[in-house]
PDB file of N, CA and C in Angstrom:
ATOM      1  N   MET A   1     -18.121 -13.542  -2.574  1.00  0.00           N
ATOM      2  CA  MET A   1     -19.583 -12.677  -3.030  1.00  0.00           C
ATOM      3  C   MET A   1     -19.950 -13.277  -4.480  1.00  0.00           C
ATOM      4  N   SER A   2     -21.008 -13.559  -4.885  1.00  0.00           N
ATOM      5  CA  SER A   2     -21.233 -13.563  -6.344  1.00  0.00           C
ATOM      6  C   SER A   2     -22.254 -12.174  -6.743  1.00  0.00           C
ATOM      7  N   ALA A   3     -22.061 -11.973  -8.179  1.00  0.00           N
ATOM      8  CA  ALA A   3     -22.593 -10.589  -8.387  1.00  0.00           C
ATOM      9  C   ALA A   3     -24.267 -10.576  -7.926  1.00  0.00           C
ATOM     10  N   LYS A   4     -24.485 -11.685  -7.925  1.00  0.00           N
ATOM     11  CA  LYS A   4     -26.212 -11.690  -7.675  1.00  0.00           C
ATOM     12  C   LYS A   4     -26.203 -11.301  -6.162  1.00  0.00           C
ATOM     13  N   GLU A   5     -25.544 -11.285  -5.282  1.00  0.00           N
ATOM     14  CA  GLU A   5     -25.621 -11.559  -3.964  1.00  0.00           C
ATOM     15  C   GLU A   5     -25.051  -9.858  -3.440  1.00  0.00           C
ATOM     16  N   TYR A   6     -23.832  -9.502  -4.578  1.00  0.00           N
ATOM     17  CA  TYR A   6     -23.965  -7.936  -4.308  1.00  0.00           C
ATOM     18  C   TYR A   6     -24.342  -7.420  -4.944  1.00  0.00           C
ATOM     19  N   ARG A   7     -25.266  -7.584  -5.787  1.00  0.00           N
ATOM     20  CA  ARG A   7     -26.297  -6.583  -6.248  1.00  0.00           C
ATOM     21  C   ARG A   7     -27.396  -6.687  -5.060  1.00  0.00           C
ATOM     22  N   GLU A   8     -28.210  -7.799  -4.874  1.00  0.00           N
ATOM     23  CA  GLU A   8     -29.206  -7.558  -3.752  1.00  0.00           C
ATOM     24  C   GLU A   8     -28.800  -6.896  -2.874  1.00  0.00           C
ATOM     25  N   LEU A   9     -27.397  -7.080  -2.027  1.00  0.00           N
ATOM     26  CA  LEU A   9     -27.059  -5.898  -0.729  1.00  0.00           C
ATOM     27  C   LEU A   9     -27.311  -4.659  -1.422  1.00  0.00           C
ATOM     28  N   LEU A  10     -26.647  -3.999  -2.462  1.00  0.00           N
ATOM     29  CA  LEU A  10     -27.010  -3.103  -3.185  1.00  0.00           C
ATOM     30  C   LEU A  10     -27.950  -2.373  -3.462  1.00  0.00           C
ATOM     31  N   ASP A  11     -29.311  -3.049  -3.674  1.00  0.00           N
ATOM     32  CA  ASP A  11     -30.175  -2.622  -3.645  1.00  0.00           C
ATOM     33  C   ASP A  11     -30.868  -2.646  -2.079  1.00  0.00           C
ATOM     34  N   ARG A  12     -30.669  -3.501  -1.196  1.00  0.00           N
ATOM     35  CA  ARG A  12     -31.255  -2.933   0.045  1.00  0.00           C
ATOM     36  C   ARG A  12     -30.847  -1.882   0.770  1.00  0.00           C
ATOM     37  N   ALA A  13     -29.223  -1.738  -0.052  1.00  0.00           N
ATOM     38  CA  ALA A  13     -28.772   0.184   0.877  1.00  0.00           C
ATOM     39  C   ALA A  13     -29.489   0.968   0.394  1.00  0.00           C
ATOM     40  N   ALA A  14     -30.012   0.852  -1.403  1.00  0.00           N
ATOM     41  CA  ALA A  14     -30.601   1.702  -1.739  1.00  0.00           C
ATOM     42  C   ALA A  14     -31.520   1.898  -1.457  1.00  0.00           C
ATOM     43  N   HIS A  15     -32.777   1.120  -0.408  1.00  0.00           N
ATOM     44  CA  HIS A  15     -33.873   1.325   0.089  1.00  0.00           C
ATOM     45  C   HIS A  15     -33.161   2.021   1.107  1.00  0.00           C
ATOM     46  N   LEU A  16     -32.619   1.996   2.502  1.00  0.00           N
ATOM     47  CA  LEU A  16     -32.419   2.655   3.299  1.00  0.00           C
ATOM     48  C   LEU A  16     -32.538   4.192   3.125  1.00  0.00           C
ATOM     49  N   ASN A  17     -32.753   4.804   4.294  1.00  0.00           N
ATOM     50  CA  ASN A  17     -32.983   6.685   4.369  1.00  0.00           C
ATOM     51  C   ASN A  17     -31.761   7.163   4.503  1.00  0.00           C
ATOM     52  N   ALA A  18     -31.417   8.241   3.897  1.00  0.00           N
ATOM     53  CA  ALA A  18     -30.230   8.985   3.796  1.00  0.00           C
ATOM     54  C   ALA A  18     -29.099   8.629   4.973  1.00  0.00           C
ATOM     55  N   GLU A  19     -29.986   8.613   5.903  1.00  0.00           N
ATOM     56  CA  GLU A  19     -28.930   8.826   7.240  1.00  0.00           C
ATOM     57  C   GLU A  19     -28.348   7.548   7.771  1.00  0.00           C
ATOM     58  N   GLU A  20     -29.081   5.980   7.677  1.00  0.00           N
ATOM     59  CA  GLU A  20     -29.088   4.816   7.583  1.00  0.00           C
ATOM     60  C   GLU A  20     -27.907   4.412   6.414  1.00  0.00           C
ATOM     61  N   GLN A  21     -28.030   5.176   5.350  1.00  0.00           N
ATOM     62  CA  GLN A  21     -26.817   5.041   4.297  1.00  0.00           C
ATOM     63  C   GLN A  21     -25.397   5.833   4.404  1.00  0.00           C
ATOM     64  N   LEU A  22     -25.462   6.965   5.165  1.00  0.00           N
ATOM     65  CA  LEU A  22     -24.361   7.470   5.894  1.00  0.00           C
ATOM     66  C   LEU A  22     -23.568   6.738   6.684  1.00  0.00           C
ATOM     67  N   ARG A  23     -24.883   6.186   7.886  1.00  0.00           N
ATOM     68  CA  ARG A  23     -24.008   4.936   9.033  1.00  0.00           C
ATOM     69  C   ARG A  23     -23.000   3.554   7.949  1.00  0.00           C
ATOM     70  N   LEU A  24     -24.400   3.375   7.164  1.00  0.00           N
ATOM     71  CA  LEU A  24     -23.323   1.971   6.828  1.00  0.00           C
ATOM     72  C   LEU A  24     -21.810   2.870   5.556  1.00  0.00           C
ATOM     73  N   LEU A  25     -21.752   3.098   5.322  1.00  0.00           N
ATOM     74  CA  LEU A  25     -20.895   3.736   4.713  1.00  0.00           C
ATOM     75  C   LEU A  25     -19.658   3.966   5.645  1.00  0.00           C
ATOM     76  N   ALA A  26     -19.834   4.924   6.571  1.00  0.00           N
ATOM     77  CA  ALA A  26     -19.149   4.798   8.066  1.00  0.00           C
ATOM     78  C   ALA A  26     -18.280   3.718   8.295  1.00  0.00           C
ATOM     79  N   ASP A  27     -19.352   2.833   8.593  1.00  0.00           N
ATOM     80  CA  ASP A  27     -18.653   1.627   9.157  1.00  0.00           C
ATOM     81  C   ASP A  27     -18.478   0.374   8.120  1.00  0.00           C
ATOM     82  N   LEU A  28     -18.594   0.660   6.804  1.00  0.00           N
ATOM     83  CA  LEU A  28     -17.816  -0.169   5.449  1.00  0.00           C
ATOM     84  C   LEU A  28     -16.481   0.835   5.302  1.00  0.00           C
ATOM     85  N   ALA A  29     -16.461   2.098   5.531  1.00  0.00           N
ATOM     86  CA  ALA A  29     -15.282   2.662   5.322  1.00  0.00           C
ATOM     87  C   ALA A  29     -14.281   2.390   6.868  1.00  0.00           C
ATOM     88  N   ALA A  30     -14.493   1.953   8.019  1.00  0.00           N
ATOM     89  CA  ALA A  30     -13.917   1.557   8.849  1.00  0.00           C
ATOM     90  C   ALA A  30     -13.360   0.176   8.675  1.00  0.00           C
ATOM     91  N   ILE A  31     -14.264  -0.885   8.163  1.00  0.00           N
ATOM     92  CA  ILE A  31     -13.975  -2.180   7.794  1.00  0.00           C
ATOM     93  C   ILE A  31     -12.428  -1.943   7.029  1.00  0.00           C
ATOM     94  N   VAL A  32     -12.568  -0.904   5.683  1.00  0.00           N
ATOM     95  CA  VAL A  32     -11.604  -0.889   4.425  1.00  0.00           C
ATOM     96  C   VAL A  32     -10.659  -0.596   5.786  1.00  0.00           C
ATOM     97  N   ARG A  33     -10.509   0.501   6.111  1.00  0.00           N
ATOM     98  CA  ARG A  33      -9.203   1.075   6.710  1.00  0.00           C
ATOM     99  C   ARG A  33      -8.588  -0.242   7.727  1.00  0.00           C
ATOM    100  N   ASP A  34      -9.172  -0.660   8.214  1.00  0.00           N
ATOM    101  CA  ASP A  34      -8.715  -1.672   9.332  1.00  0.00           C
ATOM    102  C   ASP A  34      -8.234  -2.937   8.500  1.00  0.00           C
ATOM    103  N   ARG A  35      -8.412  -3.385   7.800  1.00  0.00           N
ATOM    104  CA  ARG A  35      -8.022  -4.111   6.782  1.00  0.00           C
ATOM    105  C   ARG A  35      -6.866  -3.806   5.663  1.00  0.00           C
ATOM    106  N   SER A  36      -6.637  -2.239   5.114  1.00  0.00           N
ATOM    107  CA  SER A  36      -5.784  -1.984   5.044  1.00  0.00           C
ATOM    108  C   SER A  36      -4.238  -1.612   6.113  1.00  0.00           C
ATOM    109  N   SER A  37      -4.800  -1.470   7.430  1.00  0.00           N
ATOM    110  CA  SER A  37      -3.598  -0.671   7.998  1.00  0.00           C
ATOM    111  C   SER A  37      -2.924  -2.555   8.775  1.00  0.00           C
ATOM    112  N   THR A  38      -3.498  -3.034   8.671  1.00  0.00           N
ATOM    113  CA  THR A  38      -3.460  -4.387   9.310  1.00  0.00           C
ATOM    114  C   THR A  38      -2.165  -5.179   7.911  1.00  0.00           C
ATOM    115  N   ARG A  39      -2.318  -4.455   6.667  1.00  0.00           N
ATOM    116  CA  ARG A  39      -1.464  -5.035   5.141  1.00  0.00           C
ATOM    117  C   ARG A  39      -0.004  -3.948   5.440  1.00  0.00           C
ATOM    118  N   ARG A  40      -0.113  -2.693   6.340  1.00  0.00           N
ATOM    119  CA  ARG A  40       1.040  -2.294   6.033  1.00  0.00           C
ATOM    120  C   ARG A  40       1.937  -2.421   6.724  1.00  0.00           C
ATOM    121  N   GLY A  41       1.445  -3.130   7.903  1.00  0.00           N
ATOM    122  CA  GLY A  41       2.442  -3.471   8.923  1.00  0.00           C
ATOM    123  C   GLY A  41       4.210  -4.421   8.505  1.00  0.00           C
ATOM    124  N   ARG A  42       4.523  -3.731   7.299  1.00  0.00           N
ATOM    125  CA  ARG A  42       5.962  -4.216   6.885  1.00  0.00           C
ATOM    126  C   ARG A  42       6.837  -3.234   7.254  1.00  0.00           C
ATOM    127  N   SER A  43       8.080  -3.903   7.514  1.00  0.00           N
ATOM    128  CA  SER A  43       9.203  -2.607   8.143  1.00  0.00           C
ATOM    129  C   SER A  43      10.070  -2.569   6.833  1.00  0.00           C
ATOM    130  N   ILE A  44      10.615  -1.905   6.926  1.00  0.00           N
ATOM    131  CA  ILE A  44      12.011  -0.976   5.425  1.00  0.00           C
ATOM    132  C   ILE A  44      13.164  -2.311   5.972  1.00  0.00           C
ATOM    133  N   LEU A  45      13.164  -2.636   7.297  1.00  0.00           N
ATOM    134  CA  LEU A  45      14.504  -3.261   7.352  1.00  0.00           C
ATOM    135  C   LEU A  45      14.446  -4.617   6.697  1.00  0.00           C
ATOM    136  N   GLU A  46      13.273  -5.209   6.174  1.00  0.00           N
ATOM    137  CA  GLU A  46      12.841  -6.525   5.799  1.00  0.00           C
ATOM    138  C   GLU A  46      13.858  -6.374   4.518  1.00  0.00           C
ATOM    139  N   LEU A  47      14.508  -5.086   3.885  1.00  0.00           N
ATOM    140  CA  LEU A  47      15.074  -5.290   2.745  1.00  0.00           C
ATOM    141  C   LEU A  47      16.573  -4.889   2.783  1.00  0.00           C
ATOM    142  N   LYS A  48      16.958  -5.405   4.323  1.00  0.00           N
ATOM    143  CA  LYS A  48      18.193  -5.542   4.358  1.00  0.00           C
ATOM    144  C   LYS A  48      18.984  -6.452   3.671  1.00  0.00           C
ATOM    145  N   GLY A  49      20.037  -5.887   3.184  1.00  0.00           N
ATOM    146  CA  GLY A  49      20.892  -7.366   2.477  1.00  0.00           C
ATOM    147  C   GLY A  49      20.436  -7.396   1.380  1.00  0.00           C
ATOM    148  N   LEU A  50      19.564  -6.873   0.621  1.00  0.00           N
ATOM    149  CA  LEU A  50      18.739  -7.106  -0.731  1.00  0.00           C
ATOM    150  C   LEU A  50      19.531  -6.502  -1.923  1.00  0.00           C
ATOM    151  N   GLY A  51      20.138  -7.330  -2.471  1.00  0.00           N
ATOM    152  CA  GLY A  51      20.916  -6.636  -3.422  1.00  0.00           C
ATOM    153  C   GLY A  51      22.852  -6.949  -3.403  1.00  0.00           C
ATOM    154  N   LYS A  52      22.766  -7.192  -2.141  1.00  0.00           N
ATOM    155  CA  LYS A  52      24.146  -6.874  -1.869  1.00  0.00           C
ATOM    156  C   LYS A  52      25.258  -7.247  -2.845  1.00  0.00           C
ATOM    157  N   ASP A  53      24.806  -8.830  -3.368  1.00  0.00           N
ATOM    158  CA  ASP A  53      25.652  -8.995  -3.902  1.00  0.00           C
ATOM    159  C   ASP A  53      26.019  -8.059  -5.757  1.00  0.00           C
ATOM    160  N   VAL A  54      25.217  -7.177  -5.946  1.00  0.00           N
ATOM    161  CA  VAL A  54      25.360  -6.286  -6.640  1.00  0.00           C
ATOM    162  C   VAL A  54      26.849  -5.502  -6.270  1.00  0.00           C
ATOM    163  N   TRP A  55      26.557  -4.894  -5.183  1.00  0.00           N
ATOM    164  CA  TRP A  55      27.643  -4.409  -4.867  1.00  0.00           C
ATOM    165  C   TRP A  55      29.217  -4.794  -4.387  1.00  0.00           C
ATOM    166  N   GLU A  56      28.985  -6.474  -4.739  1.00  0.00           N
ATOM    167  CA  GLU A  56      30.206  -6.725  -3.918  1.00  0.00           C
ATOM    168  C   GLU A  56      31.070  -6.507  -5.229  1.00  0.00           C
ATOM    169  N   GLY A  57      32.488  -6.399  -4.363  1.00  0.00           N
ATOM    170  CA  GLY A  57      33.854  -6.213  -4.874  1.00  0.00           C
ATOM    171  C   GLY A  57      34.006  -4.242  -5.517  1.00  0.00           C
ATOM    172  N   VAL A  58      32.966  -3.532  -5.037  1.00  0.00           N
ATOM    173  CA  VAL A  58      33.029  -1.998  -5.492  1.00  0.00           C
ATOM    174  C   VAL A  58      33.478  -1.411  -4.756  1.00  0.00           C
ATOM    175  N   GLU A  59      34.453  -0.914  -4.414  1.00  0.00           N
ATOM    176  CA  GLU A  59      34.927   0.089  -4.044  1.00  0.00           C
ATOM    177  C   GLU A  59      34.444   1.418  -3.585  1.00  0.00           C
ATOM    178  N   VAL A  60      34.115   1.571  -2.862  1.00  0.00           N
ATOM    179  CA  VAL A  60      32.793   2.526  -2.115  1.00  0.00           C
ATOM    180  C   VAL A  60      33.317   4.524  -2.916  1.00  0.00           C
ATOM    181  N   GLU A  61      34.638   4.470  -1.933  1.00  0.00           N
ATOM    182  CA  GLU A  61      35.047   5.812  -2.529  1.00  0.00           C
ATOM    183  C   GLU A  61      35.437   5.876  -3.844  1.00  0.00           C
ATOM    184  N   ALA A  62      35.437   4.933  -4.972  1.00  0.00           N
ATOM    185  CA  ALA A  62      36.126   5.236  -5.581  1.00  0.00           C
ATOM    186  C   ALA A  62      34.466   5.355  -6.887  1.00  0.00           C
ATOM    187  N   TYR A  63      33.495   4.804  -6.301  1.00  0.00           N
ATOM    188  CA  TYR A  63      32.227   4.697  -6.615  1.00  0.00           C
ATOM    189  C   TYR A  63      31.589   6.180  -6.860  1.00  0.00           C
ATOM    190  N   LEU A  64      31.703   6.469  -4.836  1.00  0.00           N
ATOM    191  CA  LEU A  64      31.347   7.532  -4.982  1.00  0.00           C
ATOM    192  C   LEU A  64      32.118   8.730  -6.022  1.00  0.00           C
ATOM    193  N   ARG A  65      33.345   8.977  -6.265  1.00  0.00           N
ATOM    194  CA  ARG A  65      34.392   9.848  -6.729  1.00  0.00           C
ATOM    195  C   ARG A  65      33.582   9.687  -8.148  1.00  0.00           C
ATOM    196  N   GLN A  66      33.280   8.731  -8.700  1.00  0.00           N
ATOM    197  CA  GLN A  66      32.654   8.766  -9.987  1.00  0.00           C
ATOM    198  C   GLN A  66      31.516   9.159 -10.300  1.00  0.00           C
ATOM    199  N   GLU A  67      30.742   9.087  -9.698  1.00  0.00           N
ATOM    200  CA  GLU A  67      29.527   9.642  -9.806  1.00  0.00           C
ATOM    201  C   GLU A  67      29.287  11.360  -9.156  1.00  0.00           C
ATOM    202  N   ARG A  68      30.151  11.619  -8.451  1.00  0.00           N
ATOM    203  CA  ARG A  68      30.163  12.917  -8.099  1.00  0.00           C
ATOM    204  C   ARG A  68      30.796  13.710  -9.170  1.00  0.00           C
ATOM    205  N   SER A  69      31.649  13.407  -9.918  1.00  0.00           N
ATOM    206  CA  SER A  69      32.043  13.767 -11.221  1.00  0.00           C
ATOM    207  C   SER A  69      31.131  13.729 -12.421  1.00  0.00           C
ATOM    208  N   SER A  70      30.282  13.283 -12.080  1.00  0.00           N
ATOM    209  CA  SER A  70      29.676  12.556 -13.552  1.00  0.00           C
ATOM    210  C   SER A  70      27.815  13.948 -13.008  1.00  0.00           C
ATOM    211  N   TRP A  71      27.954  14.520 -11.846  1.00  0.00           N
ATOM    212  CA  TRP A  71      26.772  15.300 -11.580  1.00  0.00           C
ATOM    213  C   TRP A  71      26.979  16.754 -12.558  1.00  0.00           C
ATOM    214  N   ASN A  72      28.534  17.392 -12.508  1.00  0.00           N
ATOM    215  CA  ASN A  72      28.761  18.545 -12.990  1.00  0.00           C
ATOM    216  C   ASN A  72      29.172  18.134 -15.073  1.00  0.00           C
ATOM    217  N   GLY A  73      28.562  17.308 -15.250  1.00  0.00           N
ATOM    218  CA  GLY A  73      28.985  17.315 -17.029  1.00  0.00           C
ATOM    219  C   GLY A  73      29.929  16.428 -17.486  1.00  0.00           C
TER     220      GLY A  73
END
């Protein structure tokens, strides 16, 4: 949408009465909510295995011991 088209829409909205403007706002909010909710349809499980090469060859127990000992200073 061009800046001119946007300005025309805004001008038309400014000429609505308060009740019509509130209805327009509610309708626009519903559109935005619908669009944003479809984008959130991702799963944390998509990250499975990401970075596994970083941990390759690391002994878990030794790593945990080292980390836990660092907590005490």
